[in-house]
Protein backbone atom coordinates (compact mmCIF):
# COMPACT_ATOMS: atom_id res chain seq x y z
CA MET A 1 104.38 29.35 -191.07
CA ALA A 2 106.47 26.23 -191.71
CA GLU A 3 105.33 24.54 -188.49
CA THR A 4 101.73 24.47 -189.77
CA LYS A 5 102.76 22.31 -192.75
CA LYS A 6 101.86 18.71 -192.09
CA LEU A 7 104.74 17.26 -194.07
CA LEU A 8 107.36 19.32 -192.25
CA ARG A 9 105.81 18.34 -188.91
CA ALA A 10 106.14 14.66 -189.81
CA LEU A 11 109.75 15.16 -190.87
CA ALA A 12 110.42 16.83 -187.52
CA GLY A 13 109.21 13.66 -185.81
CA GLU A 14 105.62 14.59 -184.95
CA VAL A 15 103.07 11.79 -184.85
CA GLN A 16 99.81 12.98 -186.45
CA ASP A 17 96.34 11.45 -186.39
CA ILE A 18 96.13 11.85 -190.18
CA PRO A 19 99.47 11.53 -191.94
CA PRO A 20 100.47 13.98 -194.66
CA ILE A 21 100.13 12.53 -198.14
CA TRP A 22 101.70 12.95 -201.56
CA MET A 23 102.62 10.58 -204.42
CA MET A 24 105.78 9.96 -206.35
CA ARG A 25 105.22 11.02 -209.98
CA GLN A 26 102.00 12.71 -208.93
CA ALA A 27 102.52 15.17 -211.81
CA GLY A 28 102.35 12.73 -214.67
CA ARG A 29 100.74 10.97 -217.57
CA TYR A 30 97.77 9.55 -215.63
CA LEU A 31 96.32 13.10 -215.56
CA PRO A 32 94.66 14.50 -218.69
CA GLU A 33 95.78 18.03 -217.78
CA TYR A 34 99.39 16.84 -217.69
CA ARG A 35 99.10 15.27 -221.13
CA ALA A 36 97.73 18.52 -222.51
CA THR A 37 100.60 20.55 -221.05
CA ARG A 38 103.16 17.99 -222.23
CA ALA A 39 101.76 18.31 -225.76
CA GLN A 40 102.04 22.08 -225.47
CA ALA A 41 105.72 21.77 -224.48
CA GLY A 42 106.49 19.53 -227.43
CA ASP A 43 108.59 16.87 -225.70
CA PHE A 44 109.61 15.75 -222.22
CA LEU A 45 112.91 17.61 -221.95
CA SER A 46 111.36 20.81 -223.27
CA LEU A 47 108.78 20.50 -220.50
CA CYS A 48 111.51 20.02 -217.87
CA TYR A 49 113.35 23.13 -219.03
CA ASN A 50 110.30 25.39 -219.43
CA PRO A 51 109.80 26.96 -215.96
CA GLU A 52 106.23 28.11 -216.56
CA LEU A 53 105.04 24.76 -217.92
CA ALA A 54 107.06 22.70 -215.41
CA ALA A 55 105.52 24.74 -212.60
CA GLU A 56 102.08 24.24 -214.13
CA VAL A 57 102.33 20.43 -214.18
CA THR A 58 103.70 20.49 -210.61
CA LEU A 59 100.67 22.49 -209.51
CA GLN A 60 98.06 20.37 -211.34
CA PRO A 61 97.83 17.52 -208.80
CA ILE A 62 97.79 20.05 -205.96
CA ARG A 63 94.77 21.78 -207.47
CA ARG A 64 93.02 18.49 -208.20
CA TYR A 65 93.74 16.60 -204.96
CA GLY A 66 95.10 18.99 -202.34
CA PHE A 67 98.19 16.91 -201.59
CA ASP A 68 100.25 18.05 -198.61
CA ALA A 69 103.38 18.37 -200.77
CA ALA A 70 104.35 19.22 -204.31
CA ILE A 71 107.49 17.74 -205.81
CA LEU A 72 109.40 19.71 -208.41
CA PHE A 73 108.77 18.45 -211.94
CA ALA A 74 112.17 17.54 -213.38
CA ASP A 75 114.17 14.36 -214.07
CA ILE A 76 117.13 12.70 -212.37
CA LEU A 77 119.01 12.65 -215.70
CA LEU A 78 119.22 16.43 -215.98
CA VAL A 79 122.35 16.27 -213.82
CA PRO A 80 124.26 14.03 -216.27
CA GLN A 81 123.14 16.32 -219.07
CA ALA A 82 124.43 19.32 -217.11
CA LEU A 83 127.74 17.47 -216.69
CA GLY A 84 128.00 17.17 -220.46
CA ALA A 85 126.35 13.85 -221.31
CA ASP A 86 124.13 13.77 -224.38
CA LEU A 87 120.55 13.03 -223.30
CA TRP A 88 117.47 12.28 -225.34
CA PHE A 89 114.24 10.34 -224.88
CA VAL A 90 112.94 7.64 -227.22
CA THR A 91 109.14 7.50 -227.31
CA GLY A 92 107.89 4.36 -225.62
CA GLU A 93 111.38 3.29 -224.57
CA GLY A 94 112.70 5.96 -222.21
CA PRO A 95 115.98 7.83 -221.84
CA ARG A 96 119.17 7.44 -223.82
CA LEU A 97 122.54 8.93 -222.89
CA SER A 98 126.05 8.99 -224.25
CA THR A 99 128.03 6.46 -222.22
CA ILE A 100 130.93 6.58 -219.78
CA ALA A 101 132.94 3.49 -220.67
CA ARG A 102 136.55 4.66 -220.45
CA GLN A 103 138.68 7.35 -218.88
CA SER A 104 138.48 9.63 -221.93
CA ASP A 105 134.67 9.67 -221.65
CA PHE A 106 134.93 10.76 -218.02
CA ASP A 107 137.59 13.35 -218.79
CA ALA A 108 135.24 14.96 -221.33
CA LEU A 109 132.65 15.77 -218.67
CA ARG A 110 132.19 19.38 -217.60
CA PRO A 111 133.40 20.64 -214.21
CA VAL A 112 130.81 20.51 -211.45
CA GLU A 113 130.76 24.29 -211.10
CA ASP A 114 129.45 24.60 -214.67
CA ILE A 115 126.20 22.63 -214.13
CA HIS A 116 124.11 25.65 -213.12
CA GLU A 117 124.18 27.08 -216.64
CA THR A 118 122.14 24.10 -217.86
CA LEU A 119 120.04 23.72 -214.73
CA SER A 120 119.09 27.37 -214.17
CA PRO A 121 115.57 26.86 -215.66
CA VAL A 122 114.95 24.21 -212.99
CA TYR A 123 115.80 26.72 -210.27
CA GLU A 124 113.40 29.20 -211.86
CA THR A 125 110.67 26.55 -211.71
CA VAL A 126 111.34 26.20 -207.97
CA ARG A 127 111.10 29.98 -207.52
CA LEU A 128 107.78 30.08 -209.36
CA LEU A 129 106.40 27.23 -207.27
CA SER A 130 107.52 28.76 -203.98
CA ARG A 131 105.38 31.78 -204.87
CA GLU A 132 102.37 29.95 -206.33
CA LEU A 133 101.84 26.95 -204.05
CA PRO A 134 99.19 27.16 -201.32
CA SER A 135 100.66 28.22 -197.99
CA GLU A 136 100.00 24.80 -196.43
CA THR A 137 101.76 22.84 -199.21
CA THR A 138 105.40 21.82 -198.77
CA LEU A 139 107.71 22.11 -201.80
CA ILE A 140 110.04 19.13 -202.31
CA GLY A 141 113.16 19.31 -204.46
CA PHE A 142 115.02 16.18 -205.52
CA ALA A 143 117.90 14.52 -207.28
CA GLY A 144 118.92 11.01 -208.21
CA ALA A 145 121.40 9.24 -205.97
CA PRO A 146 124.92 8.86 -207.41
CA TRP A 147 124.70 5.08 -207.91
CA THR A 148 121.40 5.26 -209.77
CA VAL A 149 122.52 8.19 -211.94
CA ALA A 150 125.79 6.39 -212.66
CA THR A 151 123.96 3.28 -213.88
CA TYR A 152 122.33 5.34 -216.61
CA MET A 153 125.54 7.20 -217.49
CA ILE A 154 127.50 3.94 -217.81
CA ALA A 155 124.87 1.93 -219.71
CA GLY A 156 123.42 4.80 -221.71
CA ARG A 157 119.92 3.69 -220.74
CA GLY A 158 117.95 1.93 -218.04
CA THR A 159 118.85 -1.75 -217.65
CA PRO A 160 117.03 -4.54 -215.79
CA ASP A 161 120.02 -5.55 -213.65
CA GLN A 162 122.34 -2.52 -213.87
CA GLY A 163 124.85 -4.96 -215.36
CA PRO A 164 127.07 -2.45 -217.20
CA ALA A 165 127.55 -0.39 -214.01
CA HIS A 166 128.37 -3.47 -211.96
CA ALA A 167 130.84 -4.56 -214.64
CA LEU A 168 132.63 -1.21 -214.66
CA ARG A 169 132.67 -1.19 -210.86
CA GLU A 170 134.54 -4.49 -210.89
CA GLU A 171 136.76 -3.94 -213.93
CA ASN A 172 137.78 -0.31 -213.41
CA THR A 173 137.01 0.63 -209.83
CA ALA A 174 139.00 3.86 -210.00
CA LEU A 175 137.00 5.17 -212.95
CA PHE A 176 133.70 4.03 -211.42
CA GLU A 177 134.45 5.74 -208.12
CA ALA A 178 135.64 8.92 -209.84
CA LEU A 179 132.31 9.07 -211.68
CA LEU A 180 130.38 8.55 -208.45
CA ASP A 181 132.40 11.31 -206.78
CA GLN A 182 131.67 13.69 -209.67
CA ILE A 183 127.94 12.94 -209.51
CA THR A 184 127.99 13.32 -205.71
CA ALA A 185 129.62 16.75 -205.92
CA ALA A 186 127.18 17.85 -208.65
CA THR A 187 124.21 16.61 -206.63
CA ILE A 188 125.25 18.65 -203.60
CA GLU A 189 125.41 21.79 -205.77
CA TYR A 190 122.13 20.98 -207.51
CA LEU A 191 120.15 20.36 -204.31
CA SER A 192 121.68 23.42 -202.64
CA ALA A 193 120.58 25.59 -205.57
CA GLN A 194 117.06 24.15 -205.34
CA ILE A 195 116.95 25.00 -201.62
CA GLU A 196 118.22 28.52 -202.29
CA ALA A 197 115.40 28.89 -204.84
CA GLY A 198 112.74 27.82 -202.33
CA ALA A 199 112.67 24.02 -201.86
CA GLU A 200 111.75 23.20 -198.25
CA VAL A 201 112.69 19.50 -198.35
CA VAL A 202 114.94 17.52 -200.69
CA LYS A 203 114.67 13.86 -201.62
CA ILE A 204 117.42 11.56 -202.89
CA PHE A 205 116.07 8.85 -205.21
CA ASP A 206 118.23 5.71 -205.33
CA SER A 207 115.95 3.73 -207.61
CA TRP A 208 118.49 0.95 -208.22
CA ALA A 209 119.92 0.68 -204.69
CA GLY A 210 118.50 -2.82 -204.37
CA SER A 211 121.00 -4.24 -206.87
CA LEU A 212 123.89 -3.33 -204.55
CA LYS A 213 124.60 -6.09 -202.05
CA GLY A 214 126.64 -6.30 -198.87
CA ASP A 215 129.64 -4.01 -198.68
CA ALA A 216 128.77 -2.51 -202.07
CA PHE A 217 125.46 -1.23 -200.66
CA GLN A 218 127.30 0.45 -197.78
CA LYS A 219 129.98 1.93 -200.03
CA TYR A 220 127.92 3.05 -203.02
CA ALA A 221 124.40 3.66 -201.63
CA VAL A 222 124.79 4.56 -197.96
CA GLU A 223 128.05 6.52 -198.10
CA PRO A 224 127.18 8.87 -201.03
CA CYS A 225 123.80 9.58 -199.42
CA ARG A 226 125.58 10.42 -196.15
CA VAL A 227 128.03 12.74 -197.92
CA ILE A 228 125.24 14.57 -199.75
CA THR A 229 123.05 14.82 -196.65
CA ASP A 230 125.91 16.10 -194.49
CA ALA A 231 126.84 18.74 -197.07
CA VAL A 232 123.27 19.90 -197.66
CA LYS A 233 122.59 20.18 -193.93
CA ALA A 234 125.85 22.02 -193.32
CA ARG A 235 124.92 24.61 -195.94
CA HIS A 236 121.21 24.73 -195.13
CA PRO A 237 120.56 23.92 -191.47
CA GLY A 238 117.01 22.83 -190.81
CA ILE A 239 116.28 21.55 -194.31
CA PRO A 240 115.02 17.95 -194.04
CA VAL A 241 116.27 15.20 -196.36
CA ILE A 242 114.30 12.12 -197.47
CA GLY A 243 116.25 9.10 -198.67
CA PHE A 244 114.78 6.40 -200.92
CA PRO A 245 117.07 3.37 -201.34
CA ARG A 246 114.47 1.41 -203.30
CA GLU A 247 114.35 -2.37 -202.76
CA ALA A 248 117.04 -2.12 -200.08
CA ASP A 249 115.26 -4.80 -198.02
CA GLN A 250 117.37 -5.26 -194.86
CA GLY A 251 119.38 -2.24 -195.98
CA TYR A 252 116.47 -0.07 -194.83
CA VAL A 253 117.36 -1.00 -191.25
CA GLY A 254 119.68 1.65 -189.82
CA PHE A 255 119.69 3.64 -193.07
CA ALA A 256 118.52 6.84 -191.36
CA LYS A 257 121.20 6.68 -188.68
CA ALA A 258 123.94 5.79 -191.17
CA THR A 259 123.11 8.61 -193.62
CA GLY A 260 121.57 11.33 -191.47
CA VAL A 261 118.37 11.52 -193.52
CA ASP A 262 115.25 12.68 -191.69
CA CYS A 263 112.96 10.16 -193.37
CA VAL A 264 113.33 6.83 -195.13
CA ALA A 265 110.99 6.23 -198.07
CA LEU A 266 109.96 2.60 -198.45
CA ASP A 267 109.01 0.57 -201.49
CA ASN A 268 106.18 -1.95 -201.21
CA SER A 269 108.40 -5.04 -201.13
CA VAL A 270 108.53 -4.70 -197.33
CA SER A 271 105.48 -4.96 -195.11
CA PRO A 272 104.38 -1.89 -193.15
CA GLU A 273 104.37 -3.95 -189.97
CA TRP A 274 107.99 -5.00 -190.45
CA ALA A 275 109.01 -1.45 -191.38
CA ALA A 276 107.23 0.03 -188.37
CA GLU A 277 109.26 -2.23 -186.09
CA ASN A 278 112.61 -2.06 -187.87
CA VAL A 279 112.77 1.30 -189.69
CA GLN A 280 110.27 3.68 -188.11
CA ALA A 281 111.98 3.04 -184.76
CA ASP A 282 114.68 5.47 -186.02
CA GLY A 283 112.29 8.21 -187.18
CA CYS A 284 109.95 9.21 -189.96
CA VAL A 285 109.08 6.77 -192.72
CA GLN A 286 107.34 7.40 -196.04
CA GLY A 287 105.22 4.95 -197.99
CA ASN A 288 104.35 2.38 -198.98
CA LEU A 289 101.14 1.51 -200.89
CA ALA A 290 101.62 -0.55 -204.06
CA SER A 291 101.18 1.72 -207.07
CA SER A 292 99.17 -1.04 -208.78
CA HIS A 293 96.25 -0.11 -206.50
CA MET A 294 96.00 3.18 -208.42
CA VAL A 295 95.10 1.09 -211.47
CA THR A 296 92.83 -1.54 -209.92
CA GLY A 297 91.15 0.45 -207.13
CA GLY A 298 88.31 -1.13 -205.22
CA GLN A 299 88.16 -2.54 -201.70
CA ALA A 300 91.73 -3.86 -201.89
CA LEU A 301 92.97 -0.27 -202.26
CA VAL A 302 90.93 0.80 -199.22
CA ASP A 303 92.05 -2.19 -197.13
CA ASP A 304 95.75 -1.81 -197.88
CA THR A 305 95.61 1.95 -197.32
CA CYS A 306 94.00 1.44 -193.92
CA ARG A 307 96.53 -1.26 -193.05
CA ILE A 308 99.47 1.05 -193.81
CA VAL A 309 98.04 3.98 -191.88
CA GLU A 310 97.38 1.71 -188.90
CA ALA A 311 100.79 0.05 -189.00
CA PHE A 312 102.62 3.36 -188.93
CA SER A 313 100.23 5.17 -186.57
CA ASN A 314 102.57 5.10 -183.56
CA GLY A 315 105.35 7.09 -185.22
CA PRO A 316 105.97 9.86 -187.74
CA HIS A 317 104.67 8.83 -191.16
CA ILE A 318 104.18 10.35 -194.61
CA PHE A 319 101.68 8.40 -196.68
CA ASN A 320 102.91 7.67 -200.20
CA LEU A 321 103.18 4.93 -202.77
CA GLY A 322 106.00 2.40 -202.77
CA HIS A 323 106.97 3.55 -206.27
CA GLY A 324 105.81 6.17 -208.76
CA ILE A 325 102.23 6.20 -209.99
CA THR A 326 101.94 4.62 -213.44
CA PRO A 327 100.46 6.20 -216.60
CA ASP A 328 97.56 3.71 -216.64
CA ALA A 329 96.34 4.76 -213.17
CA ASP A 330 92.76 5.97 -212.75
CA PRO A 331 92.60 9.47 -211.24
CA GLU A 332 89.48 8.42 -209.32
CA ASN A 333 91.49 5.78 -207.48
CA VAL A 334 93.89 8.47 -206.32
CA GLN A 335 90.97 10.36 -204.83
CA LEU A 336 89.74 7.18 -203.15
CA MET A 337 93.16 6.67 -201.57
CA ILE A 338 93.26 10.24 -200.29
CA ASP A 339 89.72 10.05 -198.91
CA THR A 340 90.59 6.79 -197.14
CA VAL A 341 93.71 8.24 -195.50
CA ARG A 342 91.97 11.43 -194.41
CA ARG A 343 88.92 9.80 -192.89
CA GLN A 344 90.95 7.55 -190.58
């Protein structure tokens, strides 16, 4: 039953002696079994669109570590591809996309209702996972937040300061906002389809939220997250939503109330003590161990893990990293982290 799942209990506001635990990018290159499956798929996008292999890499860290949640293996840039953007990955450099620089580029995008044709293999992955996961493991679906997805669609790649997106926002606000609206509408459809296929929780990743300041943060990070959360909850009552406005700093304060999310995921630029006082007061928080500990290990990993568990012990908490685990992480350090959390 759902109420026996530790992650869902935390999202419902329950304080637990041992918090549920999972990791962002837990299915990834730090695991030898992932690398083998990735090689079998041929390339990253082929892996994303192969339901059997995508389900396999999602299940690998569950088998190895017994995490309390599995997160669907996919990528936030599948939505732009489904909207008609060209998408490819350059080895060692990351994603590349065709760019949205002018109105004609935007006009060439596909209608939102057509995205499911491209994304149907992702929904099949969710269906496979909902059947194959252990009964105690929660299945998380996800999408990128509109601002973060837009930064890639405008620049054609990841950028250190999201400069091209900020430039378009200032120079052609109407086009920028039309793109955000299109991504928002597509994200609602995408997350709803994941839920219909079996996702029990959905997470909205706003990886570049921190580069939005002041009113822009409210308008382009908070408001789209609120619109998506409202729509998802209206269609699927009872499905929890996790929001992750990475590097939001003071923007974390009040984010849950402003957006309606059930949990705020925290990066490790804020202290757990500060977050317990200022963010957890509004409900569940997720985080926020530095992912570098998964590389270096040792007593510092144990100490920081214990500090985070203690800081958040008076409210609902999901233990996680403050960012995704990196390819150079040592799988043994992951086990040390889990053992430390679970022996509290």
